[in-house]
C-alpha atoms as a PDB file:
ATOM      1  CA  GLU A   1      18.916  -7.112 -27.561  1.00  0.00           C
ATOM      2  CA  GLN A   2      19.187  -7.698 -23.859  1.00  0.00           C
ATOM      3  CA  LYS A   3      20.197 -11.118 -22.613  1.00  0.00           C
ATOM      4  CA  GLU A   4      20.167 -11.585 -18.882  1.00  0.00           C
ATOM      5  CA  GLU A   5      21.435 -14.510 -16.973  1.00  0.00           C
ATOM      6  CA  LYS A   6      18.679 -16.146 -14.963  1.00  0.00           C
ATOM      7  CA  GLY A   7      20.584 -15.327 -11.766  1.00  0.00           C
ATOM      8  CA  GLU A   8      20.796 -11.641 -12.747  1.00  0.00           C
ATOM      9  CA  GLU A   9      17.061 -10.971 -12.980  1.00  0.00           C
ATOM     10  CA  ARG A  10      15.954  -8.043 -10.845  1.00  0.00           C
ATOM     11  CA  HIS A  11      12.260  -7.376 -10.890  1.00  0.00           C
ATOM     12  CA  ILE A  12       9.192  -7.939  -8.761  1.00  0.00           C
ATOM     13  CA  ILE A  13       8.793 -11.586  -9.798  1.00  0.00           C
ATOM     14  CA  SER A  14      12.424 -12.392  -8.970  1.00  0.00           C
ATOM     15  CA  VAL A  15      11.957 -10.765  -5.541  1.00  0.00           C
ATOM     16  CA  PHE A  16       8.847 -12.872  -4.955  1.00  0.00           C
ATOM     17  CA  LYS A  17      10.745 -16.053  -5.933  1.00  0.00           C
ATOM     18  CA  LEU A  18      13.679 -15.103  -3.694  1.00  0.00           C
ATOM     19  CA  ILE A  19      11.394 -14.663  -0.689  1.00  0.00           C
ATOM     20  CA  GLN A  20       9.737 -17.999  -1.434  1.00  0.00           C
ATOM     21  CA  ASP A  21      13.182 -19.616  -1.488  1.00  0.00           C
ATOM     22  CA  LEU A  22      14.072 -17.946   1.817  1.00  0.00           C
ATOM     23  CA  LEU A  23      11.025 -19.607   3.383  1.00  0.00           C
ATOM     24  CA  GLY A  24      12.287 -23.031   2.324  1.00  0.00           C
ATOM     25  CA  PRO A  25      14.174 -25.445   4.561  1.00  0.00           C
ATOM     26  CA  SER A  26      17.787 -24.598   5.309  1.00  0.00           C
ATOM     27  CA  GLU A  27      20.665 -26.901   4.452  1.00  0.00           C
ATOM     28  CA  VAL A  28      22.580 -25.738   7.543  1.00  0.00           C
ATOM     29  CA  LYS A  29      21.162 -26.638  10.938  1.00  0.00           C
ATOM     30  CA  GLY A  30      20.464 -23.602  13.125  1.00  0.00           C
ATOM     31  CA  LYS A  31      20.694 -21.086  10.262  1.00  0.00           C
ATOM     32  CA  SER A  32      17.748 -19.874   8.226  1.00  0.00           C
ATOM     33  CA  GLN A  33      18.004 -19.375   4.482  1.00  0.00           C
ATOM     34  CA  PHE A  34      17.870 -15.634   5.198  1.00  0.00           C
ATOM     35  CA  LYS A  35      20.905 -15.808   7.521  1.00  0.00           C
ATOM     36  CA  LEU A  36      22.811 -17.848   4.941  1.00  0.00           C
ATOM     37  CA  LEU A  37      22.001 -15.298   2.240  1.00  0.00           C
ATOM     38  CA  MET A  38      23.122 -12.363   4.410  1.00  0.00           C
ATOM     39  CA  GLU A  39      26.394 -14.145   5.232  1.00  0.00           C
ATOM     40  CA  ARG A  40      27.186 -14.242   1.505  1.00  0.00           C
ATOM     41  CA  LEU A  41      27.119 -10.438   1.350  1.00  0.00           C
ATOM     42  CA  PRO A  42      30.126  -8.258   2.227  1.00  0.00           C
ATOM     43  CA  GLU A  43      30.122  -6.867   5.792  1.00  0.00           C
ATOM     44  CA  GLU A  44      29.569  -3.313   4.520  1.00  0.00           C
ATOM     45  CA  HIS A  45      26.616  -4.224   2.272  1.00  0.00           C
ATOM     46  CA  LYS A  46      23.540  -2.081   2.932  1.00  0.00           C
ATOM     47  CA  ALA A  47      21.249  -5.133   3.067  1.00  0.00           C
ATOM     48  CA  ARG A  48      23.251  -6.503   5.996  1.00  0.00           C
ATOM     49  CA  TRP A  49      22.914  -3.236   7.893  1.00  0.00           C
ATOM     50  CA  LEU A  50      19.192  -3.075   7.269  1.00  0.00           C
ATOM     51  CA  SER A  51      18.657  -6.684   8.282  1.00  0.00           C
ATOM     52  CA  GLY A  52      20.241  -6.180  11.724  1.00  0.00           C
ATOM     53  CA  ALA A  53      17.578  -7.427  14.162  1.00  0.00           C
ATOM     54  CA  ALA A  54      16.128  -9.866  11.644  1.00  0.00           C
ATOM     55  CA  LEU A  55      19.366 -11.856  11.680  1.00  0.00           C
ATOM     56  CA  ASN A  56      18.909 -12.603  15.379  1.00  0.00           C
ATOM     57  CA  THR A  57      15.195 -13.382  15.387  1.00  0.00           C
ATOM     58  CA  SER A  58      13.623 -16.815  15.712  1.00  0.00           C
ATOM     59  CA  ASP A  59      12.897 -18.862  12.604  1.00  0.00           C
ATOM     60  CA  GLN A  60       9.178 -18.562  13.302  1.00  0.00           C
ATOM     61  CA  ALA A  61       9.337 -14.751  13.505  1.00  0.00           C
ATOM     62  CA  MET A  62      11.406 -14.637  10.315  1.00  0.00           C
ATOM     63  CA  ALA A  63       8.890 -16.860   8.526  1.00  0.00           C
ATOM     64  CA  SER A  64       6.121 -14.517   9.648  1.00  0.00           C
ATOM     65  CA  VAL A  65       7.947 -11.459   8.271  1.00  0.00           C
ATOM     66  CA  LEU A  66       8.679 -13.180   4.964  1.00  0.00           C
ATOM     67  CA  SER A  67       5.095 -14.416   4.663  1.00  0.00           C
ATOM     68  CA  THR A  68       3.858 -10.867   5.213  1.00  0.00           C
ATOM     69  CA  ALA A  69       6.229  -9.626   2.507  1.00  0.00           C
ATOM     70  CA  LEU A  70       4.868 -12.257   0.108  1.00  0.00           C
ATOM     71  CA  SER A  71       1.297 -11.249   0.812  1.00  0.00           C
ATOM     72  CA  ARG A  72       2.156  -7.579   0.142  1.00  0.00           C
ATOM     73  CA  LEU A  73       3.889  -8.481  -3.113  1.00  0.00           C
ATOM     74  CA  ASN A  74       0.797 -10.331  -4.296  1.00  0.00           C
ATOM     75  CA  ALA A  75      -0.692  -6.948  -5.256  1.00  0.00           C
ATOM     76  CA  PHE A  76       1.958  -6.781  -7.990  1.00  0.00           C
ATOM     77  CA  LEU A  77       1.511 -10.266  -9.330  1.00  0.00           C
ATOM     78  CA  ASP A  78      -0.841 -10.101 -12.230  1.00  0.00           C
ATOM     79  CA  SER A  79       0.057 -10.178 -15.904  1.00  0.00           C
ATOM     80  CA  GLU A  80      -0.557  -6.464 -16.532  1.00  0.00           C
ATOM     81  CA  ILE A  81       1.620  -5.251 -13.679  1.00  0.00           C
ATOM     82  CA  GLU A  82       4.245  -7.875 -14.461  1.00  0.00           C
ATOM     83  CA  GLN A  83       4.472  -6.470 -18.010  1.00  0.00           C
ATOM     84  CA  LEU A  84       4.858  -2.947 -16.647  1.00  0.00           C
ATOM     85  CA  LEU A  85       7.431  -3.703 -13.966  1.00  0.00           C
ATOM     86  CA  CYS A  86       9.488  -6.561 -15.354  1.00  0.00           C
ATOM     87  CA  PHE A  87      10.149  -5.633 -18.954  1.00  0.00           C
ATOM     88  CA  GLU A  88      11.556  -2.716 -20.922  1.00  0.00           C
ATOM     89  CA  THR A  89       8.848  -0.108 -20.383  1.00  0.00           C
ATOM     90  CA  LYS A  90      11.118   2.788 -19.530  1.00  0.00           C
ATOM     91  CA  ILE A  91      10.120   6.390 -20.023  1.00  0.00           C
ATOM     92  CA  ASN A  92      13.198   8.366 -20.996  1.00  0.00           C
ATOM     93  CA  THR A  93      12.462  11.437 -18.891  1.00  0.00           C
ATOM     94  CA  GLU A  94      15.240  13.561 -20.376  1.00  0.00           C
ATOM     95  CA  LYS A  95      14.018  12.880 -23.917  1.00  0.00           C
ATOM     96  CA  PHE A  96      10.462  13.452 -22.729  1.00  0.00           C
ATOM     97  CA  CYS A  97      11.440  16.895 -21.398  1.00  0.00           C
ATOM     98  CA  ARG A  98      13.266  17.908 -24.597  1.00  0.00           C
ATOM     99  CA  ASN A  99      10.698  16.799 -27.189  1.00  0.00           C
ATOM    100  CA  LYS A 100       7.009  17.378 -27.621  1.00  0.00           C
ATOM    101  CA  SER A 101       5.618  14.281 -25.971  1.00  0.00           C
ATOM    102  CA  ALA A 102       2.602  12.900 -24.202  1.00  0.00           C
ATOM    103  CA  VAL A 103       2.168   9.996 -21.827  1.00  0.00           C
ATOM    104  CA  PHE A 104      -1.299   8.674 -21.145  1.00  0.00           C
ATOM    105  CA  LEU A 105      -1.803   6.524 -18.082  1.00  0.00           C
ATOM    106  CA  ILE A 106      -5.137   4.778 -18.363  1.00  0.00           C
ATOM    107  CA  MET A 107      -6.513   2.625 -15.587  1.00  0.00           C
ATOM    108  CA  PRO A 108      -9.920   0.971 -15.468  1.00  0.00           C
ATOM    109  CA  GLU A 109     -12.413   2.940 -13.397  1.00  0.00           C
ATOM    110  CA  GLU A 110     -14.016  -0.185 -11.993  1.00  0.00           C
ATOM    111  CA  ASP A 111     -10.786  -1.502 -10.424  1.00  0.00           C
ATOM    112  CA  ASP A 112      -8.843   0.910  -8.223  1.00  0.00           C
ATOM    113  CA  SER A 113      -6.403  -1.721  -6.922  1.00  0.00           C
ATOM    114  CA  LYS A 114      -3.637  -0.450  -9.215  1.00  0.00           C
ATOM    115  CA  TYR A 115      -4.199   3.293  -8.812  1.00  0.00           C
ATOM    116  CA  PHE A 116      -1.179   3.469  -6.512  1.00  0.00           C
ATOM    117  CA  LEU A 117       0.965   2.922  -9.620  1.00  0.00           C
ATOM    118  CA  ILE A 118      -0.266   6.195 -11.116  1.00  0.00           C
ATOM    119  CA  SER A 119       0.788   8.042  -7.953  1.00  0.00           C
ATOM    120  CA  LEU A 120       4.199   6.341  -8.028  1.00  0.00           C
ATOM    121  CA  ILE A 121       4.734   7.147 -11.705  1.00  0.00           C
ATOM    122  CA  VAL A 122       3.788  10.813 -11.205  1.00  0.00           C
ATOM    123  CA  GLN A 123       6.137  11.095  -8.195  1.00  0.00           C
ATOM    124  CA  GLN A 124       9.017   9.419 -10.029  1.00  0.00           C
ATOM    125  CA  LEU A 125       8.602  11.539 -13.178  1.00  0.00           C
ATOM    126  CA  TYR A 126       8.467  14.671 -11.050  1.00  0.00           C
ATOM    127  CA  ARG A 127      11.667  13.771  -9.160  1.00  0.00           C
ATOM    128  CA  GLU A 128      13.507  12.976 -12.387  1.00  0.00           C
ATOM    129  CA  MET A 129      12.316  16.238 -13.948  1.00  0.00           C
ATOM    130  CA  LEU A 130      13.599  18.202 -10.949  1.00  0.00           C
ATOM    131  CA  SER A 131      17.019  16.587 -11.363  1.00  0.00           C
ATOM    132  CA  ILE A 132      17.036  17.361 -15.077  1.00  0.00           C
ATOM    133  CA  ALA A 133      15.978  20.965 -14.409  1.00  0.00           C
ATOM    134  CA  ASP A 134      18.757  21.331 -11.816  1.00  0.00           C
ATOM    135  CA  GLU A 135      21.302  20.040 -14.353  1.00  0.00           C
ATOM    136  CA  MET A 136      20.020  22.635 -16.856  1.00  0.00           C
ATOM    137  CA  GLY A 137      20.365  25.690 -14.669  1.00  0.00           C
ATOM    138  CA  GLY A 138      17.106  25.325 -12.777  1.00  0.00           C
ATOM    139  CA  LYS A 139      14.620  25.104 -15.664  1.00  0.00           C
ATOM    140  CA  LEU A 140      13.525  22.504 -18.170  1.00  0.00           C
ATOM    141  CA  PRO A 141      14.095  23.374 -21.855  1.00  0.00           C
ATOM    142  CA  ASN A 142      10.351  22.992 -22.538  1.00  0.00           C
ATOM    143  CA  ARG A 143       7.331  23.424 -20.310  1.00  0.00           C
ATOM    144  CA  VAL A 144       6.002  20.117 -19.005  1.00  0.00           C
ATOM    145  CA  MET A 145       2.354  19.947 -18.069  1.00  0.00           C
ATOM    146  CA  PHE A 146       0.707  17.256 -16.006  1.00  0.00           C
ATOM    147  CA  PHE A 147      -2.983  16.858 -16.768  1.00  0.00           C
ATOM    148  CA  LEU A 148      -4.061  14.767 -13.815  1.00  0.00           C
ATOM    149  CA  ASP A 149      -7.695  14.047 -14.522  1.00  0.00           C
ATOM    150  CA  GLU A 150      -9.284  12.235 -11.585  1.00  0.00           C
ATOM    151  CA  PHE A 151      -6.401  13.376  -9.342  1.00  0.00           C
ATOM    152  CA  GLY A 152      -8.695  13.271  -6.327  1.00  0.00           C
ATOM    153  CA  THR A 153      -9.344   9.553  -6.783  1.00  0.00           C
ATOM    154  CA  LEU A 154      -5.651   8.617  -6.706  1.00  0.00           C
ATOM    155  CA  PRO A 155      -3.854   7.614  -3.527  1.00  0.00           C
ATOM    156  CA  ALA A 156      -2.304  10.668  -1.891  1.00  0.00           C
ATOM    157  CA  ILE A 157       1.000  11.832  -3.312  1.00  0.00           C
ATOM    158  CA  GLN A 158       3.351  12.705  -0.473  1.00  0.00           C
ATOM    159  CA  SER A 159       4.034  16.447  -0.258  1.00  0.00           C
ATOM    160  CA  ALA A 160       1.925  17.176  -3.356  1.00  0.00           C
ATOM    161  CA  GLU A 161       1.499  20.843  -2.350  1.00  0.00           C
ATOM    162  CA  MET A 162       5.248  21.336  -2.095  1.00  0.00           C
ATOM    163  CA  MET A 163       5.724  19.428  -5.338  1.00  0.00           C
ATOM    164  CA  PHE A 164       3.343  21.731  -7.211  1.00  0.00           C
ATOM    165  CA  SER A 165       4.773  24.982  -5.831  1.00  0.00           C
ATOM    166  CA  ALA A 166       8.422  23.972  -6.353  1.00  0.00           C
ATOM    167  CA  SER A 167       7.757  22.814  -9.898  1.00  0.00           C
ATOM    168  CA  ARG A 168       6.437  26.115 -11.318  1.00  0.00           C
ATOM    169  CA  SER A 169       9.835  27.818 -11.293  1.00  0.00           C
ATOM    170  CA  ARG A 170      11.266  24.852 -13.184  1.00  0.00           C
ATOM    171  CA  ARG A 171       8.674  25.016 -15.999  1.00  0.00           C
ATOM    172  CA  ILE A 172       6.650  22.087 -14.685  1.00  0.00           C
ATOM    173  CA  SER A 173       2.958  22.648 -14.176  1.00  0.00           C
END
């Protein structure tokens, strides 16, 4: 049983709430909520490095960036995607590669707004399988086959050609 402190939540909804909080009024004059948050992180923290120019931008520009981020995150905020992304829905890729298994990803044909998730899942599974194959001497213990029906209707998978050719030698097809 997993019990998480409310402050320890890390999923798409918690990111959305954090950005909403960052848009709120600051308690310190002349410092945005974003600047205050970044100051709480250690100097060497990756988020501080990546936020570089944003720390020195005007409050209005920062609000614009955060508002854009919120609008992009809205694509993830429905109950079905929340269930997928925020709760224990892990696929144990190593177990999947060792045992006879099947994963069916079914999306409604009439709504393609979530098809990008299929592309992301395929890419992530592929990357994990490559790592597992590398740990096992370059090949998976069992052949893994992707049956990607309607592949042409999915958003493009980056470097799909390279992915397919590199996978054959690792028993992924």
